[in-house]
Amino acid sequence: MRKLKKIMFWIISIYAVILLTLYLFQEKILFQPEILPVDYVYQFDQPFKEVFLKTNDGSLLNGLHFTNKNTKGVILYFHGNRGSLKRWGEIASYFALKQYDIVIMDYRSYGKSTGKITEQILYDDAQLFYNYVLDKYPKQRIIIYGRSLGTGIATKVASENNPAALVLETPYFNMKDVSESWLPYVPTGILLKYKIPSNEFIQKVKCNITIYHGTADKVVPLASGKRLYESISIPNKKMITIPKGSHNNLIQFEEYQSTIETTLSN
């Protein structure tokens, strides 16, 4: 009996350490920024300008604004949790080749952006960039695009504004849902500081909604994206499932390439 109690003590102790570690270091797990020097020079094939927006608390948010002479509209792009505009600018410029202007921001502590992240600050900063876009384009020409982590932020912005469309690539129902898929035996709902309830935000979205998700996604399971899609009450929704697509390669598949232009133009 004494031996059993000792074993149970160590199991409980190790489990408690795991929970404490996850709670204390969840930001480092969720946000994986690449920091760039202020004098870093971006280089892309498509015409662009670099922008800095100042927040109410004095932080500076770095962004890129790709432009076309005969633009079809503008895409406000919210990127995933890893890297910086050095990487994401290259990914977003794919849409510039399709004659869309692109505005993409780096979250606080990413790239050249300064300041500390909180969940509310993510939303506030995203709205700041929406306002920047709205100042230059009519709302009926604005498409909000979110990828991975950015899908929750994109959905929040779409829920509080009136863009032409919302496109979500590898989205999640909410952060609790996706974290439970990573850690099924951990009470993530209690530990999470970042809830990002996409399922709640999306109920207030009135524009066209399109979801792209791969069947082989190991980061955000297809089930989470499907659950989000099924929660949408408006009829103007569409989900494009890509067989064998994983989390970071949907753009390589014919199912994505053959539908993205129609998705953006509807």
Foldseek 3Di string as FASTA:
>chain_A
DVVVVVVVVVVVVVVVVVLVCCLVCVCVVQAAADEADPPDDADDPFDKDWDWDADPVGWIKIKIKGADPQAQFEEEEEEGRHYACSPVVHVVCVVVVVRYIYIYIGPDPHYHTHDDDAQVVLLVVSLVVVVVRVVPGPQARYEYEYAEVRLLSSLQNLLVDPHQEYEYELYFQWPQRQVCLVPVVHNVVVSDRGTSRSLVSLQSHDHAYEYEYECAEPRRHPVRVVVSQVSHDDPRYYYQYHYPDYRPCPVVDPSCVVCVVVNSND
